[in-house]
Amino acid sequence: MLKAKIAVLVSGGGTNLQALIDAQNKGILKSGEIVLVISNKQDAFALERAKKHEIPYEIVEKKKYGDQFEQKLISVLEQKQIDLIVLAGFMSILSETFTKRFANRIVNVHPSLIPSFCGKGYYGLKVHEAALSYGVKVTGATVHFVNEIPDGGEIIMQKAVSVCKKDTPKTLQARVMRQAEWKILPAAVEKVSNEIIKEKEHERV
């Protein structure tokens, strides 16, 4: 069966990578296959997850490649003939040149209901701190295509999560991951992978 080749880009613990690996093992993610993990940090725990599941990985550090960072990323991705790039806690803003090269082929998960609490400076716990200080009763997560505007690409899926009175940024972050991110990221990656496969099959005819 033809599958979309997926590369997951990571910087930290890799909990979203793990959600994708689990979905792949359970057959939820069936139209695509994770064939590569790329980290921009040598000590990212996500790499341990890749090793454990025997997924090839590459380390591409900005401090090592400098201005050639994106060029190195591109060469690694093209060498592996990657169809879909998933940003799973990848802490590096990609340029317009990069995002246009892979238009509608890069997806990201953001821990809020875009357009709330998103854009430049909103990442990690900062998103949940902002949601709590604003006093929203409902937050959630969004999977979207990546373009040159941070968190500005077309929305693929969203899922809402209730905010509790006693929430701290950390408890809210954990609930959003568990109830939203880890569910909609694999579902959205499956959806996009399926569309890529249909396109490829159509081109073959």
Protein backbone atom coordinates (compact mmCIF):
# COMPACT_ATOMS: atom_id res chain seq x y z
CA MET A 1 0.00 0.00 0.00
CA LEU A 2 1.25 3.45 -0.99
CA LYS A 3 1.93 5.66 2.06
CA ALA A 4 2.88 9.31 2.48
CA LYS A 5 6.41 9.67 3.85
CA ILE A 6 6.31 11.75 7.02
CA ALA A 7 9.12 13.66 8.73
CA VAL A 8 8.48 14.88 12.29
CA LEU A 9 10.48 17.95 13.38
CA VAL A 10 11.11 18.20 17.13
CA SER A 11 13.00 20.24 19.73
CA GLY A 12 12.05 18.79 23.10
CA GLY A 13 10.39 15.88 24.87
CA GLY A 14 8.50 14.61 21.86
CA THR A 15 5.11 13.90 23.47
CA ASN A 16 3.35 14.79 20.20
CA LEU A 17 5.81 12.58 18.31
CA GLN A 18 4.85 9.77 20.71
CA ALA A 19 1.15 10.41 20.02
CA LEU A 20 1.87 10.01 16.29
CA ILE A 21 3.92 6.83 16.83
CA ASP A 22 1.12 5.38 18.99
CA ALA A 23 -1.47 6.29 16.35
CA GLN A 24 0.65 4.61 13.69
CA ASN A 25 0.96 1.45 15.82
CA LYS A 26 -2.82 1.39 16.42
CA GLY A 27 -3.65 1.85 12.74
CA ILE A 28 -5.19 5.31 13.25
CA LEU A 29 -2.40 6.75 11.12
CA LYS A 30 -2.46 4.38 8.16
CA SER A 31 -2.13 6.56 5.04
CA GLY A 32 1.26 7.87 6.16
CA GLU A 33 4.39 6.51 7.80
CA ILE A 34 6.93 8.31 9.98
CA VAL A 35 10.18 7.65 8.14
CA LEU A 36 12.30 10.40 9.71
CA VAL A 37 12.62 12.48 12.89
CA ILE A 38 14.66 15.71 12.72
CA SER A 39 15.73 17.59 15.84
CA ASN A 40 17.35 21.01 16.02
CA LYS A 41 18.62 20.09 19.50
CA GLN A 42 21.12 17.32 20.20
CA ASP A 43 19.72 16.57 23.67
CA ALA A 44 16.02 16.45 22.73
CA PHE A 45 14.36 13.50 24.49
CA ALA A 46 12.26 13.04 21.33
CA LEU A 47 15.36 11.41 19.78
CA GLU A 48 15.21 8.68 22.44
CA ARG A 49 11.63 7.98 21.33
CA ALA A 50 12.78 7.73 17.71
CA LYS A 51 15.59 5.32 18.69
CA LYS A 52 13.22 3.18 20.76
CA HIS A 53 10.87 2.77 17.80
CA GLU A 54 13.73 2.36 15.29
CA ILE A 55 12.83 5.49 13.33
CA PRO A 56 15.79 7.08 11.51
CA TYR A 57 16.71 10.51 12.87
CA GLU A 58 18.92 13.48 12.01
CA ILE A 59 20.22 16.34 14.15
CA VAL A 60 20.31 19.68 12.34
CA GLU A 61 21.45 22.41 14.73
CA LYS A 62 21.15 26.10 13.90
CA LYS A 63 24.40 26.91 15.73
CA LYS A 64 26.23 24.40 13.53
CA TYR A 65 24.74 25.37 10.16
CA GLY A 66 23.98 29.07 10.74
CA ASP A 67 22.63 30.67 7.54
CA GLN A 68 22.64 27.23 5.89
CA PHE A 69 20.27 25.78 8.53
CA GLU A 70 17.18 25.70 6.31
CA GLN A 71 19.19 24.58 3.30
CA LYS A 72 20.44 21.61 5.31
CA LEU A 73 16.88 20.81 6.43
CA ILE A 74 15.70 20.95 2.80
CA SER A 75 18.47 18.64 1.58
CA VAL A 76 17.70 16.06 4.32
CA LEU A 77 13.95 16.21 3.58
CA GLU A 78 14.39 15.96 -0.18
CA GLN A 79 16.93 13.18 0.09
CA LYS A 80 14.32 11.11 1.97
CA GLN A 81 11.60 12.18 -0.51
CA ILE A 82 9.40 13.44 2.33
CA ASP A 83 5.74 14.11 1.45
CA LEU A 84 4.59 15.67 4.71
CA ILE A 85 6.41 17.61 7.43
CA VAL A 86 4.91 17.65 10.95
CA LEU A 87 6.12 20.28 13.41
CA ALA A 88 5.76 18.67 16.85
CA GLY A 89 7.14 21.18 19.34
CA PHE A 90 9.73 22.43 16.83
CA MET A 91 11.08 25.63 18.35
CA SER A 92 12.34 27.35 15.25
CA ILE A 93 10.43 29.74 13.01
CA LEU A 94 10.72 28.70 9.36
CA SER A 95 11.18 31.34 6.68
CA GLU A 96 8.77 32.16 3.87
CA THR A 97 11.23 30.60 1.41
CA PHE A 98 11.02 27.30 3.30
CA THR A 99 7.25 27.31 3.85
CA LYS A 100 6.53 28.17 0.20
CA ARG A 101 8.79 25.36 -0.98
CA PHE A 102 6.62 22.91 1.01
CA ALA A 103 3.26 24.70 0.61
CA ASN A 104 0.38 22.66 2.11
CA ARG A 105 2.93 20.04 3.12
CA ILE A 106 3.80 21.34 6.61
CA VAL A 107 1.42 20.96 9.55
CA ASN A 108 1.74 22.24 13.10
CA VAL A 109 -0.21 21.76 16.32
CA HIS A 110 -0.80 24.85 18.44
CA PRO A 111 -2.15 24.67 22.03
CA SER A 112 -5.04 27.12 21.67
CA LEU A 113 -8.10 27.66 19.51
CA ILE A 114 -6.62 29.86 16.78
CA PRO A 115 -7.06 32.85 16.34
CA SER A 116 -6.87 33.14 20.16
CA PHE A 117 -3.46 33.23 21.88
CA CYS A 118 -1.38 32.55 18.80
CA GLY A 119 1.28 34.17 16.65
CA LYS A 120 4.71 35.47 17.55
CA GLY A 121 5.71 34.87 21.17
CA TYR A 122 2.89 32.44 21.92
CA TYR A 123 4.39 29.02 22.53
CA GLY A 124 4.57 26.40 25.30
CA LEU A 125 3.32 27.50 28.71
CA LYS A 126 3.01 31.13 27.55
CA VAL A 127 -0.14 30.18 25.61
CA HIS A 128 -1.80 28.70 28.71
CA GLU A 129 -0.65 31.59 30.93
CA ALA A 130 -2.32 34.01 28.49
CA ALA A 131 -5.52 31.95 28.35
CA LEU A 132 -5.77 31.87 32.17
CA SER A 133 -4.95 35.54 32.66
CA TYR A 134 -7.61 36.44 30.07
CA GLY A 135 -10.12 34.31 31.97
CA VAL A 136 -11.41 32.17 29.08
CA LYS A 137 -13.68 29.27 30.03
CA VAL A 138 -12.79 27.20 26.96
CA THR A 139 -9.44 26.69 25.27
CA GLY A 140 -8.13 23.83 23.12
CA ALA A 141 -5.76 22.97 20.31
CA THR A 142 -5.53 23.61 16.59
CA VAL A 143 -3.77 21.72 13.81
CA HIS A 144 -3.05 23.99 10.85
CA PHE A 145 -0.97 24.23 7.71
CA VAL A 146 2.18 26.30 8.13
CA ASN A 147 2.83 29.40 6.05
CA GLU A 148 5.07 32.46 6.48
CA ILE A 149 2.83 33.91 9.24
CA PRO A 150 3.34 32.26 12.67
CA ASP A 151 0.17 30.20 13.33
CA GLY A 152 -1.39 31.85 10.27
CA GLY A 153 -1.99 28.92 7.92
CA GLU A 154 -5.30 27.26 7.04
CA ILE A 155 -6.92 25.38 9.94
CA ILE A 156 -7.25 21.61 9.48
CA MET A 157 -8.79 20.57 12.83
CA GLN A 158 -9.65 22.03 16.23
CA LYS A 159 -10.79 20.58 19.54
CA ALA A 160 -12.08 22.48 22.55
CA VAL A 161 -11.06 21.82 26.17
CA SER A 162 -12.73 23.25 29.28
CA VAL A 163 -10.75 25.46 31.65
CA CYS A 164 -11.14 24.65 35.36
CA LYS A 165 -11.22 27.22 38.17
CA LYS A 166 -8.16 25.74 39.90
CA ASP A 167 -6.09 25.43 36.72
CA THR A 168 -2.46 26.49 36.61
CA PRO A 169 -0.66 26.87 33.27
CA LYS A 170 0.87 23.41 33.82
CA THR A 171 -2.38 21.60 34.63
CA LEU A 172 -4.09 23.29 31.68
CA GLN A 173 -1.19 22.40 29.37
CA ALA A 174 -1.43 18.73 30.43
CA ARG A 175 -5.21 18.62 29.84
CA VAL A 176 -4.97 20.31 26.43
CA MET A 177 -2.30 17.81 25.38
CA ARG A 178 -4.24 14.80 26.63
CA GLN A 179 -7.73 15.81 25.49
CA ALA A 180 -6.93 17.72 22.30
CA GLU A 181 -3.38 17.73 20.89
CA TRP A 182 -2.75 13.98 21.09
CA LYS A 183 -6.14 13.28 19.47
CA ILE A 184 -6.37 15.80 16.64
CA LEU A 185 -2.72 15.78 15.56
CA PRO A 186 -2.76 12.09 14.48
CA ALA A 187 -6.25 12.52 12.97
CA ALA A 188 -5.17 15.59 10.98
CA VAL A 189 -1.93 13.92 9.83
CA GLU A 190 -3.98 10.91 8.65
CA LYS A 191 -6.38 13.24 6.79
CA VAL A 192 -3.60 15.14 5.00
CA SER A 193 -1.63 11.93 4.27
CA ASN A 194 -4.74 10.41 2.72
CA GLU A 195 -5.17 13.48 0.49
CA ILE A 196 -1.50 13.26 -0.58
CA ILE A 197 -1.92 9.58 -1.50
CA LYS A 198 -5.06 10.36 -3.54
CA GLU A 199 -3.13 13.07 -5.40
CA LYS A 200 -0.26 10.66 -6.11
CA GLU A 201 -2.64 7.96 -7.36
CA HIS A 202 -4.41 10.50 -9.59
CA GLU A 203 -1.03 11.56 -11.06
CA ARG A 204 -0.24 7.92 -11.86
CA VAL A 205 -3.40 7.49 -13.95
